[in-house]
Structure formats: C-alpha cells, structure tokens
Amino acid sequence: MHDLLIFDLDGTLIDSKEDLVNSVNAMLIARGREPLPHDIVASYVGNGAPMLVRRALPGASEEELSTALQFFLDYYRAHMLDSTALYPGVREALDRLHRERVPMAILTNKPVRFSVQLIAGLGLSGHFFQIYGGNSFPEKKPHPVGIERLIAESGATRDRTVMVGDSAVDVRTARAALVQACGVSWGFQPQTFAEAPPDFVVDDLRSLAEMVLDSRASR
C-alpha cells in the first residue's frame, strides 16, 4: 500500500494546542491586546508561525507583525513542551511502523528547528528519516515541494506515498504532489476536510499502521 508515510505534526502527531495558544496569548498580552479563546487560536494554526501571528493581529503593521512574531517564537521556544503530548495511539503506531522499517518523515509548516526539538523531546527522533518545516523550502504546504523532496530522498514511488494530516492544507499538499491523502479524525481542523476531502480517514493511528503492514504482508 505505502512505501513512504509523510506526517503533518501539529494536530496530527502532537496535541500542541495549549502551548501554541498560551504563546499567542502571551504575545497579545505583551502588546496590550486581549487574549483569544483557545479554539480561535487553534483555527489559525496550519500555515506557519508568520501567518499564525498575522491572523492573531488583524490590522497590524508589518513592523508590529515582525516584532510580535519574534516575541511569539522566543516564548514558544521556551514553552513548547510544557503541555504538548502525542495523541493517543501515536507512539504505539510509530513504534510499530519503525520496527517494521516503514520509511517515515515529517512535513509541517512549523519552523523546522522547533519541529526537530519537539520530536526529540518526545523521544521519537530515530523514527523519521527526515523532518522538514515551514522554513525548509521557499514555499510552505500546500505547495508540493516538501513531498517531492521526500519522495526523491526515500526512493519511494508516488503511488505508494501517503500524506497524513488533520486539515485541508495537508490534503491539498497531497493533491498537488499526486499522492494519497489520509485524514485523521482528531486534531485542530478536521472540519476543513469538508472543503478538501482526503482519500480516507482514520480514527486511530494504530489502524493506519495495521493497514500499511497488512498491505506489505500481502504483496
């Protein structure tokens, strides 16, 4: 079924909502603004840190956005593992796939250095042959450049590659790269699948692992 699994990070593998919300609201409070509700901030996640800050500060000047982004990044760097944890079943699924040598990578719009630190902090560094972030390439998801690079690096075929994520951004990335899209029913923005439906949805990452390994065994 799949020779390469590419995972989104926030809302797919990790529940980082609390730390992202707290970092955005710390930035807003520092700028004399009212904090935002958690679900509102979560709805702003997915297109990278600059866009997250821009959405949280409508009408701000470019200079203010630049200063606010730096505050957000500094605060988040210090607090990104305060509450962030893997979603239920994720560690077991990744451990099993890793034992069976299924090639796995991460493609997120989060800054790459934060993504690498988070994965290390959660004890999963050895599971992924590559981690690419929102600043790894000139274009972020849904541009297909990240998937294209990962296919080239892994030697996988396009028809046996799947992008796994919790939002329409991930599905559009898969479509742009002509690979399969797997949605997860949890996360920050699964409601956006209404505008960009994935090929299939899983309710537990362990079921995806089961599908992949069953497919391998039947080859």
Protein backbone atom coordinates (compact mmCIF):
# COMPACT_ATOMS: atom_id res chain seq x y z
CA MET A 1 0.00 0.00 0.00
CA HIS A 2 2.56 2.61 1.09
CA ASP A 3 6.33 2.76 0.87
CA LEU A 4 6.50 6.25 2.38
CA LEU A 5 4.40 7.83 5.13
CA ILE A 6 4.64 11.62 5.48
CA PHE A 7 3.10 13.10 8.61
CA ASP A 8 1.93 16.58 9.49
CA LEU A 9 2.93 17.46 13.06
CA ASP A 10 0.58 19.81 14.99
CA GLY A 11 -2.88 18.30 15.29
CA THR A 12 -1.77 15.03 13.68
CA LEU A 13 1.01 13.51 15.78
CA ILE A 14 1.10 16.01 18.64
CA ASP A 15 -1.54 17.87 20.63
CA SER A 16 0.27 21.21 20.89
CA LYS A 17 -2.82 23.38 21.18
CA GLU A 18 -2.28 24.50 24.78
CA ASP A 19 1.31 25.62 24.24
CA LEU A 20 0.52 27.38 20.96
CA VAL A 21 -2.49 29.16 22.48
CA ASN A 22 -0.53 30.24 25.53
CA SER A 23 2.30 31.55 23.34
CA VAL A 24 -0.04 33.52 21.09
CA ASN A 25 -1.89 34.96 24.07
CA ALA A 26 1.37 35.87 25.85
CA MET A 27 2.31 37.78 22.70
CA LEU A 28 -1.09 39.52 22.56
CA ILE A 29 -0.97 40.49 26.25
CA ALA A 30 2.57 41.84 25.82
CA ARG A 31 1.19 44.06 23.05
CA GLY A 32 -1.68 45.33 25.18
CA ARG A 33 -4.32 43.22 23.45
CA GLU A 34 -6.96 40.87 24.80
CA PRO A 35 -6.17 37.12 24.76
CA LEU A 36 -8.10 34.96 22.30
CA PRO A 37 -10.19 31.83 23.01
CA HIS A 38 -8.35 28.53 22.54
CA ASP A 39 -10.45 27.33 19.61
CA ILE A 40 -9.93 30.58 17.73
CA VAL A 41 -6.16 30.33 18.04
CA ALA A 42 -6.26 26.65 17.05
CA SER A 43 -8.17 27.58 13.89
CA TYR A 44 -5.28 29.89 12.94
CA VAL A 45 -2.70 27.07 13.06
CA GLY A 46 -1.51 25.24 9.95
CA ASN A 47 0.09 27.79 7.65
CA GLY A 48 3.21 28.57 9.65
CA ALA A 49 4.18 30.90 12.50
CA PRO A 50 4.15 34.17 10.49
CA MET A 51 0.58 33.51 9.32
CA LEU A 52 -0.48 32.46 12.83
CA VAL A 53 0.73 35.79 14.23
CA ARG A 54 -0.79 37.73 11.32
CA ARG A 55 -4.18 36.13 11.92
CA ALA A 56 -3.98 36.88 15.65
CA LEU A 57 -3.17 40.56 14.95
CA PRO A 58 -5.54 41.73 12.22
CA GLY A 59 -4.75 45.21 11.01
CA ALA A 60 -1.24 45.26 12.47
CA SER A 61 1.58 46.96 10.56
CA GLU A 62 4.40 44.91 9.07
CA GLU A 63 6.76 46.33 11.71
CA GLU A 64 4.41 45.32 14.53
CA LEU A 65 3.97 41.86 12.99
CA SER A 66 7.73 41.39 12.82
CA THR A 67 8.19 42.31 16.48
CA ALA A 68 5.20 40.18 17.53
CA LEU A 69 6.48 37.18 15.57
CA GLN A 70 9.85 37.35 17.31
CA PHE A 71 8.16 37.53 20.73
CA PHE A 72 5.94 34.57 19.84
CA LEU A 73 8.89 32.48 18.62
CA ASP A 74 11.01 33.26 21.68
CA TYR A 75 8.15 32.48 24.07
CA TYR A 76 7.14 29.31 22.24
CA ARG A 77 10.75 28.06 22.13
CA ALA A 78 10.84 28.22 25.94
CA HIS A 79 7.38 26.67 26.47
CA MET A 80 6.71 24.31 23.56
CA LEU A 81 6.98 21.16 25.67
CA ASP A 82 5.07 22.46 28.72
CA SER A 83 1.83 20.66 27.80
CA THR A 84 2.42 19.19 24.34
CA ALA A 85 1.97 15.43 24.09
CA LEU A 86 1.42 12.75 21.48
CA TYR A 87 -2.19 11.90 20.68
CA PRO A 88 -3.42 8.51 21.99
CA GLY A 89 -2.08 5.60 19.95
CA VAL A 90 0.51 7.66 18.10
CA ARG A 91 3.59 6.35 19.90
CA GLU A 92 2.46 2.73 19.56
CA ALA A 93 1.74 3.19 15.84
CA LEU A 94 5.03 4.92 15.12
CA ASP A 95 6.98 2.36 17.17
CA ARG A 96 5.42 -0.50 15.22
CA LEU A 97 6.00 1.13 11.83
CA HIS A 98 9.57 1.93 12.80
CA ARG A 99 10.25 -1.67 13.89
CA GLU A 100 8.98 -2.84 10.51
CA ARG A 101 11.25 -0.32 8.73
CA VAL A 102 8.48 1.65 7.06
CA PRO A 103 10.07 4.93 5.85
CA MET A 104 8.53 7.87 7.71
CA ALA A 105 9.07 11.62 7.53
CA ILE A 106 7.50 14.80 8.90
CA LEU A 107 6.38 17.70 6.72
CA THR A 108 4.99 20.59 8.74
CA ASN A 109 4.60 24.34 8.36
CA LYS A 110 6.04 24.80 11.88
CA PRO A 111 9.62 26.19 11.88
CA VAL A 112 11.98 23.26 11.35
CA ARG A 113 14.14 23.83 14.45
CA PHE A 114 11.06 23.71 16.70
CA SER A 115 9.82 20.58 14.95
CA VAL A 116 13.15 18.79 15.43
CA GLN A 117 13.29 19.84 19.12
CA LEU A 118 9.72 18.68 19.75
CA ILE A 119 10.28 15.27 18.18
CA ALA A 120 13.50 14.88 20.17
CA GLY A 121 11.77 15.97 23.39
CA LEU A 122 9.08 13.36 22.81
CA GLY A 123 11.66 10.63 22.22
CA LEU A 124 10.90 9.97 18.55
CA SER A 125 13.97 11.31 16.73
CA GLY A 126 15.03 7.89 15.46
CA HIS A 127 11.67 7.15 13.86
CA PHE A 128 11.89 9.65 10.99
CA PHE A 129 14.50 9.76 8.24
CA GLN A 130 13.73 13.44 7.65
CA ILE A 131 11.91 16.37 9.26
CA TYR A 132 11.05 19.36 7.09
CA GLY A 133 9.44 22.54 8.40
CA GLY A 134 7.81 25.66 7.06
CA ASN A 135 11.17 27.33 6.50
CA SER A 136 12.90 24.33 4.90
CA PHE A 137 11.87 25.40 1.39
CA PRO A 138 10.92 28.68 -0.31
CA GLU A 139 7.26 27.50 -0.29
CA LYS A 140 5.18 26.02 2.54
CA LYS A 141 2.40 23.45 2.29
CA PRO A 142 0.15 23.18 0.29
CA HIS A 143 3.00 23.61 -2.22
CA PRO A 144 4.21 20.08 -3.09
CA VAL A 145 7.96 20.80 -2.88
CA GLY A 146 8.33 19.03 0.50
CA ILE A 147 6.63 15.84 -0.66
CA GLU A 148 8.60 15.89 -3.91
CA ARG A 149 11.87 16.13 -1.97
CA LEU A 150 10.89 13.33 0.41
CA ILE A 151 9.92 11.03 -2.46
CA ALA A 152 13.28 11.70 -4.10
CA GLU A 153 15.21 11.12 -0.87
CA SER A 154 13.40 7.91 0.05
CA GLY A 155 13.25 6.38 -3.41
CA ALA A 156 9.53 5.75 -2.88
CA THR A 157 7.06 5.75 -5.75
CA ARG A 158 4.37 8.41 -5.92
CA ASP A 159 1.56 5.85 -5.98
CA ARG A 160 2.86 4.27 -2.76
CA THR A 161 3.26 7.52 -0.81
CA VAL A 162 0.68 8.97 1.58
CA MET A 163 0.42 12.34 3.32
CA VAL A 164 -1.22 12.08 6.75
CA GLY A 165 -2.76 15.19 8.31
CA ASP A 166 -5.63 16.86 10.13
CA SER A 167 -6.53 19.66 7.72
CA ALA A 168 -7.38 20.71 4.19
CA VAL A 169 -3.83 22.09 3.89
CA ASP A 170 -2.46 18.54 4.12
CA VAL A 171 -4.97 17.18 1.63
CA ARG A 172 -4.19 19.96 -0.85
CA THR A 173 -0.48 19.23 -0.44
CA ALA A 174 -1.10 15.58 -1.26
CA ARG A 175 -3.24 16.51 -4.27
CA ALA A 176 -0.58 18.90 -5.59
CA ALA A 177 2.03 16.13 -5.32
CA LEU A 178 -0.29 13.46 -6.78
CA VAL A 179 -0.05 11.20 -3.72
CA GLN A 180 -2.71 9.74 -1.42
CA ALA A 181 -4.17 11.79 1.42
CA CYS A 182 -5.05 10.22 4.77
CA GLY A 183 -7.05 12.37 7.15
CA VAL A 184 -7.15 11.94 10.92
CA SER A 185 -10.44 12.46 12.74
CA TRP A 186 -8.81 14.30 15.68
CA GLY A 187 -6.60 17.39 15.64
CA PHE A 188 -7.10 21.09 15.09
CA GLN A 189 -9.01 21.35 11.82
CA PRO A 190 -10.59 18.07 10.65
CA GLN A 191 -13.74 20.06 9.84
CA THR A 192 -11.84 21.55 6.89
CA PHE A 193 -12.00 18.14 5.19
CA ALA A 194 -15.44 19.26 4.03
CA GLU A 195 -13.70 21.59 1.57
CA ALA A 196 -10.88 19.17 0.67
CA PRO A 197 -11.84 15.54 1.36
CA PRO A 198 -8.98 13.06 1.94
CA ASP A 199 -8.92 9.64 0.28
CA PHE A 200 -9.64 8.02 3.63
CA VAL A 201 -9.83 8.95 7.32
CA VAL A 202 -8.56 7.06 10.36
CA ASP A 203 -9.81 7.38 13.93
CA ASP A 204 -6.61 5.97 15.46
CA LEU A 205 -3.09 5.98 14.02
CA ARG A 206 -2.73 2.35 15.05
CA SER A 207 -5.32 1.44 12.42
CA LEU A 208 -3.21 3.13 9.74
CA ALA A 209 -0.19 1.13 10.89
CA GLU A 210 -2.28 -2.03 10.65
CA MET A 211 -3.38 -1.15 7.10
CA VAL A 212 0.16 -0.42 5.95
CA LEU A 213 1.66 -3.57 7.44
CA ASP A 214 -1.19 -5.80 6.21
CA SER A 215 -0.64 -4.41 2.72
CA ARG A 216 3.08 -5.14 2.93
CA ALA A 217 2.44 -8.70 4.09
CA SER A 218 0.05 -9.38 1.20
CA ARG A 219 2.48 -8.26 -1.50
